[in-house]
């Protein structure tokens, strides 16, 4: 299960709390009323979820401290294993040195790092990113759960397997009570404190129905709820925020307007306007791009990273593109993305936003196996998601081939937690960004 470890509030200002967590300073939004200096709190996904009585907090911290110190030592050990200097390009070495000195990468430098095909260069770039992650983020690792409650979608995006034209897909919708019970079980029996509720663009779930679901979950359990439900109206999102939703997962997928239009029926500006409106509304936004899209240039990928940084999300949610055979893009040939290039993209994301939270998507594991996910975590990544959708529905949310969980949820959670702890990560992230 996931671990809920309290931290002590040492400052509260402008709706945010600075929390001491075994000597590390972390920052989270104070969504819970009455949070004061000296309180012990549980926070997840950048939001204080609940306060913890002093006695209970002391017992948890006392029992966890030895494990935390062991994990911290392991993380420091791995993040300081320097790659061989032999074979590294002089300009790549110089760029990485400037990054470690606090300088900002130029776009030309980002392109140079992205385009190198030298494996020694890749090792140095990923080492630098992981070192920065360890220094800026510590060994904390955010583990979100995701409940995919409907694979019905009114759209037909050119890359997505749940688009309305896929007549071979078995469709499903979870009932209101099924969604609420799944969330309640995730919190009470699995220890999750942050959940993403995701669906296709499905009008069956009206704003009133979603408000009921969110409010009911919040009434039963203490949890941060994020939504991934597509381009709903701004008034709808306002109502859902008032009901208790605090996060929004919404990718822009590509910063190239022409490429975006080829994938979608609406313009890129509409998606970006929605993302920015959600931020202004108070949502903690998770966003990013797909890399490896047909027709996407290296310049596009760099522009995607820079746009994500400009948006300043609470979490970078970018990942490799996998075509679905039932889609337009899945029927055309495309050049396969290499693991080394994918790792350099992740590393560059860390190099341009040292304090950001970076999600390692399940697409990494699908394309590159468990070792790919492991190496991604050692290239600057510090967040993962676990699919908590009830079986057999979990296998039907087929946005790309093989996307979906097996029936043994407990084994999947154990796999994620074990992997993180083997790398010295503490799967008890109490916030998204380190305090300034």
Protein backbone atom coordinates (compact mmCIF):
# COMPACT_ATOMS: atom_id res chain seq x y z
CA UNK A 1 0.00 0.00 0.00
CA UNK A 2 1.01 3.66 -0.21
CA UNK A 3 2.37 5.40 2.87
CA UNK A 4 0.81 8.45 4.52
CA UNK A 5 3.53 10.22 6.47
CA UNK A 6 2.73 13.45 8.32
CA UNK A 7 4.87 16.57 8.30
CA UNK A 8 4.86 19.53 10.68
CA UNK A 9 3.64 22.91 9.49
CA UNK A 10 6.28 25.57 10.16
CA UNK A 11 4.71 28.47 8.23
CA UNK A 12 1.38 29.38 6.62
CA UNK A 13 1.09 32.20 4.10
CA UNK A 14 -1.29 33.10 1.28
CA UNK A 15 -3.04 29.75 1.24
CA UNK A 16 0.13 27.67 1.29
CA UNK A 17 1.89 25.82 4.08
CA UNK A 18 5.60 25.15 4.49
CA UNK A 19 5.95 21.68 5.98
CA UNK A 20 8.96 20.12 7.68
CA UNK A 21 9.40 16.49 6.69
CA UNK A 22 12.40 14.89 8.43
CA UNK A 23 14.32 18.14 8.05
CA UNK A 24 13.27 18.80 4.43
CA UNK A 25 11.08 21.81 3.68
CA UNK A 26 8.11 21.12 1.44
CA UNK A 27 5.23 23.27 0.24
CA UNK A 28 1.52 22.51 -0.20
CA UNK A 29 -1.77 24.33 -0.65
CA UNK A 30 -3.83 24.57 2.54
CA UNK A 31 -7.11 23.18 1.28
CA UNK A 32 -8.06 22.04 4.78
CA UNK A 33 -9.56 24.78 6.95
CA UNK A 34 -7.82 25.85 10.13
CA UNK A 35 -4.28 24.64 9.32
CA UNK A 36 -1.92 26.39 11.72
CA UNK A 37 1.79 26.49 12.50
CA UNK A 38 2.65 23.49 14.66
CA UNK A 39 0.01 21.20 13.17
CA UNK A 40 0.93 17.81 11.78
CA UNK A 41 -0.65 17.27 8.37
CA UNK A 42 -0.96 14.75 5.58
CA UNK A 43 -0.61 16.24 2.12
CA UNK A 44 -0.65 14.73 -1.33
CA UNK A 45 -0.56 16.10 -4.83
CA UNK A 46 0.37 19.51 -3.50
CA UNK A 47 -2.68 19.81 -1.20
CA UNK A 48 -3.00 19.44 2.57
CA UNK A 49 -5.56 16.65 2.87
CA UNK A 50 -6.03 16.43 6.65
CA UNK A 51 -4.50 17.21 10.01
CA UNK A 52 -3.18 14.44 12.26
CA UNK A 53 -3.30 14.48 16.09
CA UNK A 54 0.14 15.03 17.63
CA UNK A 55 0.25 11.64 19.31
CA UNK A 56 -0.65 9.68 16.20
CA UNK A 57 1.78 11.74 14.11
CA UNK A 58 4.60 11.06 16.56
CA UNK A 59 4.01 7.30 16.40
CA UNK A 60 4.00 7.28 12.59
CA UNK A 61 7.13 9.41 12.31
CA UNK A 62 8.97 7.34 14.91
CA UNK A 63 8.18 4.07 13.14
CA UNK A 64 9.01 5.50 9.68
CA UNK A 65 12.19 7.43 10.43
CA UNK A 66 14.61 4.51 10.20
CA UNK A 67 13.12 3.45 6.87
CA UNK A 68 13.23 7.02 5.59
CA UNK A 69 16.90 7.42 6.51
CA UNK A 70 17.75 4.13 4.80
CA UNK A 71 15.90 5.18 1.65
CA UNK A 72 17.54 8.61 1.70
CA UNK A 73 20.98 7.03 1.90
CA UNK A 74 20.17 4.77 -1.02
CA UNK A 75 18.95 7.70 -3.12
CA UNK A 76 22.10 9.69 -2.38
CA UNK A 77 24.21 6.68 -3.29
CA UNK A 78 22.51 6.23 -6.66
CA UNK A 79 22.38 9.93 -7.51
CA UNK A 80 26.11 10.31 -6.93
CA UNK A 81 27.25 7.40 -9.10
CA UNK A 82 29.05 9.39 -11.78
CA UNK A 83 29.13 8.04 -15.33
CA UNK A 84 32.47 7.45 -17.07
CA UNK A 85 34.01 10.59 -18.61
CA UNK A 86 35.33 8.67 -21.60
CA UNK A 87 33.50 9.31 -24.82
CA UNK A 88 31.50 12.33 -23.62
CA UNK A 89 31.32 15.18 -26.15
CA UNK A 90 33.11 18.31 -24.96
CA UNK A 91 30.17 20.61 -25.59
CA UNK A 92 27.71 18.31 -23.78
CA UNK A 93 30.05 18.15 -20.80
CA UNK A 94 30.30 21.95 -20.79
CA UNK A 95 26.52 22.37 -21.00
CA UNK A 96 25.95 20.00 -18.06
CA UNK A 97 28.58 21.82 -16.02
CA UNK A 98 26.84 25.15 -16.60
CA UNK A 99 23.50 23.63 -15.59
CA UNK A 100 25.00 22.44 -12.30
CA UNK A 101 26.31 25.95 -11.74
CA UNK A 102 22.74 27.27 -11.98
CA UNK A 103 22.72 28.60 -15.53
CA UNK A 104 19.64 28.32 -17.77
CA UNK A 105 19.77 26.20 -20.90
CA UNK A 106 19.27 28.01 -24.20
CA UNK A 107 17.00 26.51 -26.83
CA UNK A 108 20.02 25.68 -29.00
CA UNK A 109 21.64 23.86 -26.06
CA UNK A 110 18.44 21.91 -25.47
CA UNK A 111 18.40 20.86 -29.11
CA UNK A 112 22.04 19.80 -28.93
CA UNK A 113 21.33 17.63 -25.88
CA UNK A 114 18.18 16.17 -27.45
CA UNK A 115 19.88 15.30 -30.75
CA UNK A 116 23.08 13.67 -29.52
CA UNK A 117 23.26 10.00 -30.41
CA UNK A 118 26.28 9.39 -28.20
CA UNK A 119 25.40 6.93 -25.39
CA UNK A 120 28.06 8.47 -23.12
CA UNK A 121 26.41 11.86 -23.58
CA UNK A 122 23.05 10.35 -22.62
CA UNK A 123 24.55 8.86 -19.47
CA UNK A 124 25.95 12.23 -18.42
CA UNK A 125 22.71 14.08 -19.18
CA UNK A 126 20.55 11.61 -17.23
CA UNK A 127 23.03 11.57 -14.34
CA UNK A 128 22.93 15.37 -14.15
CA UNK A 129 19.13 15.39 -14.17
CA UNK A 130 18.94 12.77 -11.42
CA UNK A 131 21.50 14.62 -9.31
CA UNK A 132 19.46 17.82 -9.59
CA UNK A 133 16.26 15.91 -8.76
CA UNK A 134 17.88 14.53 -5.61
CA UNK A 135 19.24 17.92 -4.53
CA UNK A 136 16.05 19.87 -5.23
CA UNK A 137 13.34 17.31 -4.47
CA UNK A 138 14.99 14.97 -2.02
CA UNK A 139 13.92 11.36 -2.32
CA UNK A 140 10.17 11.99 -2.20
CA UNK A 141 8.04 10.22 -4.77
CA UNK A 142 4.42 11.08 -5.49
CA UNK A 143 2.15 8.09 -6.15
CA UNK A 144 -1.32 8.95 -7.48
CA UNK A 145 -4.13 6.51 -8.09
CA UNK A 146 -6.28 6.79 -11.21
CA UNK A 147 -9.84 5.54 -11.70
CA UNK A 148 -10.89 5.43 -15.35
CA UNK A 149 -14.66 5.50 -14.95
CA UNK A 150 -15.80 5.58 -18.58
CA UNK A 151 -14.25 4.73 -21.95
CA UNK A 152 -17.07 6.38 -23.90
CA UNK A 153 -15.94 9.44 -25.84
CA UNK A 154 -17.72 11.85 -28.17
CA UNK A 155 -14.47 12.77 -29.93
CA UNK A 156 -12.33 11.04 -32.52
CA UNK A 157 -8.77 12.20 -31.86
CA UNK A 158 -6.38 10.75 -34.42
CA UNK A 159 -4.20 8.92 -31.87
CA UNK A 160 -6.61 7.65 -29.18
CA UNK A 161 -8.05 4.14 -29.07
CA UNK A 162 -11.23 5.09 -27.19
CA UNK A 163 -12.40 7.51 -29.90
CA UNK A 164 -16.02 7.11 -30.99
CA UNK A 165 -15.10 5.47 -34.32
CA UNK A 166 -13.51 2.43 -32.66
CA UNK A 167 -16.43 0.02 -33.08
CA UNK A 168 -14.35 -2.93 -31.87
CA UNK A 169 -14.01 -1.57 -28.34
CA UNK A 170 -16.33 -2.82 -25.60
CA UNK A 171 -17.69 0.31 -23.92
CA UNK A 172 -18.38 0.73 -20.22
CA UNK A 173 -19.51 3.28 -17.65
CA UNK A 174 -19.10 2.91 -13.90
CA UNK A 175 -22.13 3.81 -11.86
CA UNK A 176 -22.00 6.69 -9.39
CA UNK A 177 -21.77 4.26 -6.49
CA UNK A 178 -19.08 2.16 -8.21
CA UNK A 179 -16.90 5.25 -8.63
CA UNK A 180 -17.45 6.36 -5.03
CA UNK A 181 -16.76 2.88 -3.64
CA UNK A 182 -13.61 2.50 -5.77
CA UNK A 183 -12.29 5.80 -4.41
CA UNK A 184 -13.23 4.92 -0.84
CA UNK A 185 -11.49 1.55 -1.07
CA UNK A 186 -8.38 3.14 -2.59
CA UNK A 187 -8.05 5.50 0.36
CA UNK A 188 -9.10 3.19 3.21
CA UNK A 189 -7.45 -0.07 2.16
CA UNK A 190 -4.64 0.99 -0.19
CA UNK A 191 -3.50 4.22 1.46
CA UNK A 192 -3.92 6.57 -1.52
CA UNK A 193 -4.35 10.25 -0.69
CA UNK A 194 -4.53 11.57 -4.28
CA UNK A 195 -6.87 10.21 -6.95
CA UNK A 196 -7.42 11.12 -10.59
CA UNK A 197 -10.93 10.51 -11.94
CA UNK A 198 -10.56 10.04 -15.68
CA UNK A 199 -12.90 9.40 -18.58
CA UNK A 200 -13.41 10.06 -22.25
CA UNK A 201 -15.47 13.12 -23.11
CA UNK A 202 -18.70 11.51 -21.96
CA UNK A 203 -21.76 13.77 -21.56
CA UNK A 204 -23.60 11.01 -19.69
CA UNK A 205 -21.79 12.27 -16.61
CA UNK A 206 -23.41 15.66 -16.26
CA UNK A 207 -21.91 18.35 -14.10
CA UNK A 208 -24.51 17.61 -11.41
CA UNK A 209 -23.65 13.92 -11.49
CA UNK A 210 -19.93 14.66 -11.21
CA UNK A 211 -20.57 17.12 -8.37
CA UNK A 212 -22.45 14.38 -6.52
CA UNK A 213 -19.58 11.92 -7.05
CA UNK A 214 -16.90 14.37 -5.87
CA UNK A 215 -18.88 15.58 -2.86
CA UNK A 216 -19.73 12.02 -1.81
CA UNK A 217 -16.10 10.89 -2.02
CA UNK A 218 -14.94 13.90 -0.01
CA UNK A 219 -17.62 13.19 2.59
CA UNK A 220 -16.50 9.58 3.05
CA UNK A 221 -12.70 9.95 2.91
CA UNK A 222 -9.92 12.55 3.11
CA UNK A 223 -8.35 12.68 -0.37
CA UNK A 224 -7.18 15.09 -3.07
CA UNK A 225 -9.32 14.63 -6.19
CA UNK A 226 -8.06 15.53 -9.66
CA UNK A 227 -10.14 15.41 -12.83
CA UNK A 228 -9.21 14.26 -16.33
CA UNK A 229 -12.48 14.66 -18.22
CA UNK A 230 -11.60 16.80 -21.22
CA UNK A 231 -12.79 20.15 -22.49
CA UNK A 232 -15.81 20.91 -20.36
CA UNK A 233 -17.07 24.46 -19.99
CA UNK A 234 -15.41 26.87 -17.59
CA UNK A 235 -18.62 27.17 -15.56
CA UNK A 236 -18.70 23.37 -15.26
CA UNK A 237 -15.15 23.30 -13.92
CA UNK A 238 -15.99 26.08 -11.47
CA UNK A 239 -18.88 24.03 -10.13
CA UNK A 240 -16.67 20.95 -9.82
CA UNK A 241 -14.04 22.94 -7.97
CA UNK A 242 -16.68 24.14 -5.53
CA UNK A 243 -17.73 20.50 -5.06
CA UNK A 244 -14.19 19.64 -3.93
CA UNK A 245 -12.07 18.84 -7.01
CA UNK A 246 -8.61 20.38 -6.73
CA UNK A 247 -6.51 18.98 -9.56
CA UNK A 248 -6.91 18.87 -13.35
CA UNK A 249 -4.97 16.57 -15.68
CA UNK A 250 -5.16 18.05 -19.17
CA UNK A 251 -2.39 17.67 -21.72
CA UNK A 252 -1.93 20.03 -24.63
CA UNK A 253 -0.06 17.20 -26.41
CA UNK A 254 1.85 19.39 -28.87
CA UNK A 255 2.73 23.08 -29.15
CA UNK A 256 2.74 22.85 -32.95
CA UNK A 257 -0.61 24.32 -34.03
CA UNK A 258 -0.65 22.49 -37.35
CA UNK A 259 0.15 19.16 -35.76
CA UNK A 260 -2.43 19.75 -33.02
CA UNK A 261 -5.11 20.47 -35.63
CA UNK A 262 -4.24 17.21 -37.39
CA UNK A 263 -4.92 15.35 -34.15
CA UNK A 264 -8.02 17.23 -32.97
CA UNK A 265 -11.15 18.90 -34.28
CA UNK A 266 -10.55 22.03 -32.18
CA UNK A 267 -7.64 24.53 -32.25
CA UNK A 268 -4.70 24.44 -29.84
CA UNK A 269 -5.59 27.88 -28.48
CA UNK A 270 -8.85 26.54 -27.01
CA UNK A 271 -7.00 23.84 -25.09
CA UNK A 272 -4.38 26.27 -23.79
CA UNK A 273 -7.06 28.79 -22.82
CA UNK A 274 -8.81 26.09 -20.81
CA UNK A 275 -5.59 25.03 -19.07
CA UNK A 276 -4.80 28.62 -18.10
CA UNK A 277 -8.38 29.21 -16.95
CA UNK A 278 -8.17 26.15 -14.71
CA UNK A 279 -4.98 27.51 -13.16
CA UNK A 280 -6.60 30.88 -12.55
CA UNK A 281 -9.54 29.10 -10.96
CA UNK A 282 -7.27 27.46 -8.40
CA UNK A 283 -6.87 24.00 -9.92
CA UNK A 284 -3.49 22.32 -9.56
CA UNK A 285 -2.81 21.61 -13.22
CA UNK A 286 -0.96 18.57 -14.57
CA UNK A 287 -0.08 18.97 -18.22
CA UNK A 288 2.44 18.20 -20.92
CA UNK A 289 2.90 16.71 -24.36
CA UNK A 290 3.29 13.53 -26.33
CA UNK A 291 6.71 12.93 -27.81
CA UNK A 292 7.35 10.76 -30.83
CA UNK A 293 4.28 11.91 -32.78
CA UNK A 294 4.44 11.43 -36.57
CA UNK A 295 5.60 14.68 -38.16
CA UNK A 296 6.95 16.04 -34.88
CA UNK A 297 10.40 17.64 -35.12
CA UNK A 298 13.03 17.95 -32.41
CA UNK A 299 12.31 21.69 -32.38
CA UNK A 300 8.67 20.85 -31.65
CA UNK A 301 9.70 18.67 -28.69
CA UNK A 302 11.85 21.45 -27.25
CA UNK A 303 9.02 23.94 -27.77
CA UNK A 304 6.69 21.52 -25.95
CA UNK A 305 8.99 21.43 -22.94
CA UNK A 306 9.36 25.20 -22.89
CA UNK A 307 5.60 25.70 -23.16
CA UNK A 308 5.00 23.29 -20.28
CA UNK A 309 7.50 25.20 -18.17
CA UNK A 310 5.81 28.49 -19.10
CA UNK A 311 2.46 27.09 -17.94
CA UNK A 312 4.21 26.20 -14.64
CA UNK A 313 2.11 23.13 -13.83
CA UNK A 314 2.11 21.34 -10.51
CA UNK A 315 3.16 18.25 -12.45
CA UNK A 316 4.73 17.61 -15.86
CA UNK A 317 2.68 14.89 -17.54
CA UNK A 318 4.46 14.14 -20.80
CA UNK A 319 5.10 10.74 -22.27
CA UNK A 320 5.98 8.74 -25.35
CA UNK A 321 3.36 8.35 -28.06
CA UNK A 322 2.05 4.84 -28.78
CA UNK A 323 -0.23 4.51 -31.82
CA UNK A 324 -3.43 2.50 -31.50
CA UNK A 325 -4.08 0.23 -34.51
CA UNK A 326 -7.73 1.33 -34.68
CA UNK A 327 -6.80 4.97 -35.23
CA UNK A 328 -5.72 6.94 -38.26
CA UNK A 329 -2.16 7.30 -36.95
CA UNK A 330 -2.00 3.66 -35.94
CA UNK A 331 -2.55 2.59 -39.53
CA UNK A 332 0.44 4.55 -40.84
CA UNK A 333 4.07 3.68 -40.35
CA UNK A 334 6.25 5.74 -38.04
CA UNK A 335 9.80 5.78 -36.77
CA UNK A 336 10.14 4.14 -33.37
CA UNK A 337 11.22 6.32 -30.45
CA UNK A 338 14.41 5.05 -28.82
CA UNK A 339 14.74 4.70 -25.06
CA UNK A 340 17.84 6.92 -24.97
CA UNK A 341 16.02 9.76 -26.72
CA UNK A 342 13.01 9.39 -24.43
CA UNK A 343 15.33 9.55 -21.41
CA UNK A 344 17.02 12.70 -22.72
CA UNK A 345 13.59 14.34 -23.09
CA UNK A 346 12.77 13.52 -19.47
CA UNK A 347 16.19 14.68 -18.31
CA UNK A 348 15.85 17.97 -20.19
CA UNK A 349 12.51 18.53 -18.48
CA UNK A 350 14.27 18.25 -15.12
CA UNK A 351 17.13 20.47 -16.26
CA UNK A 352 14.77 23.32 -17.20
CA UNK A 353 12.52 22.97 -14.13
CA UNK A 354 14.58 21.79 -11.19
CA UNK A 355 11.78 21.86 -8.63
CA UNK A 356 9.01 20.44 -10.81
CA UNK A 357 7.29 17.12 -10.31
CA UNK A 358 7.73 14.85 -13.33
CA UNK A 359 5.42 11.92 -13.97
CA UNK A 360 6.70 8.68 -15.47
CA UNK A 361 3.78 7.47 -17.57
CA UNK A 362 2.78 3.84 -18.02
CA UNK A 363 3.61 4.24 -21.72
CA UNK A 364 7.28 4.10 -20.72
CA UNK A 365 6.84 0.62 -19.33
CA UNK A 366 4.76 -0.46 -22.32
CA UNK A 367 7.45 0.65 -24.79
CA UNK A 368 10.63 -0.07 -22.86
CA UNK A 369 9.71 -2.52 -20.11
CA UNK A 370 10.37 -2.28 -16.39
CA UNK A 371 13.98 -1.29 -17.01
CA UNK A 372 12.74 1.66 -19.06
CA UNK A 373 10.65 2.88 -16.14
CA UNK A 374 13.55 2.37 -13.75
CA UNK A 375 15.90 4.37 -15.95
CA UNK A 376 13.26 7.08 -16.37
CA UNK A 377 13.11 7.47 -12.58
CA UNK A 378 16.89 7.80 -12.64
CA UNK A 379 16.67 10.52 -15.31
CA UNK A 380 14.86 13.11 -13.23
CA UNK A 381 11.42 11.56 -12.79
CA UNK A 382 9.76 11.45 -9.37
CA UNK A 383 6.10 10.55 -9.80
CA UNK A 384 4.03 7.53 -10.84
CA UNK A 385 0.38 6.59 -11.19
CA UNK A 386 -1.35 3.31 -10.37
CA UNK A 387 -4.49 2.23 -12.22
CA UNK A 388 -7.19 1.56 -9.63
CA UNK A 389 -10.02 0.97 -12.10
CA UNK A 390 -12.01 -2.13 -11.10
CA UNK A 391 -11.37 -5.26 -13.14
CA UNK A 392 -12.45 -6.08 -15.89
CA UNK A 393 -13.04 -2.43 -16.86
CA UNK A 394 -9.38 -1.59 -16.37
CA UNK A 395 -8.45 -3.58 -19.46
CA UNK A 396 -10.98 -1.69 -21.60
CA UNK A 397 -9.58 1.84 -21.27
CA UNK A 398 -7.54 1.20 -24.40
CA UNK A 399 -6.06 4.54 -25.42
CA UNK A 400 -3.11 2.55 -26.80
CA UNK A 401 -2.58 -1.22 -27.28
CA UNK A 402 -2.01 -3.07 -24.04
CA UNK A 403 -2.99 -0.08 -21.90
CA UNK A 404 -4.92 -1.45 -18.93
CA UNK A 405 -4.35 -3.34 -15.73
CA UNK A 406 -4.44 -6.99 -14.88
CA UNK A 407 -6.95 -8.15 -12.32
CA UNK A 408 -4.41 -8.36 -9.48
CA UNK A 409 -4.33 -4.75 -8.33
CA UNK A 410 -2.41 -5.57 -5.17
CA UNK A 411 0.52 -6.89 -7.18
CA UNK A 412 0.65 -3.72 -9.28
CA UNK A 413 0.74 -1.50 -6.22
CA UNK A 414 3.43 -3.71 -4.70
CA UNK A 415 5.46 -3.48 -7.91
CA UNK A 416 5.35 0.34 -7.97
CA UNK A 417 6.18 0.72 -4.28
CA UNK A 418 8.96 -1.88 -4.43
CA UNK A 419 10.53 -0.24 -7.49
CA UNK A 420 10.50 3.18 -5.86
CA UNK A 421 11.97 1.90 -2.61
CA UNK A 422 14.69 -0.05 -4.43
CA UNK A 423 15.76 3.31 -5.88
CA UNK A 424 15.71 4.93 -2.44
CA UNK A 425 12.51 6.86 -3.05
CA UNK A 426 10.03 7.51 -0.27
CA UNK A 427 6.54 6.77 -1.69
CA UNK A 428 4.90 9.23 0.69
CA UNK A 429 5.22 12.53 -1.18
CA UNK A 430 3.66 15.27 0.92
CA UNK A 431 3.83 18.00 -1.69
CA UNK A 432 4.73 18.65 -5.28
CA UNK A 433 7.42 21.29 -5.10
CA UNK A 434 10.21 21.86 -2.65
CA UNK A 435 9.90 25.11 -0.71
CA UNK A 436 11.90 28.05 -1.97
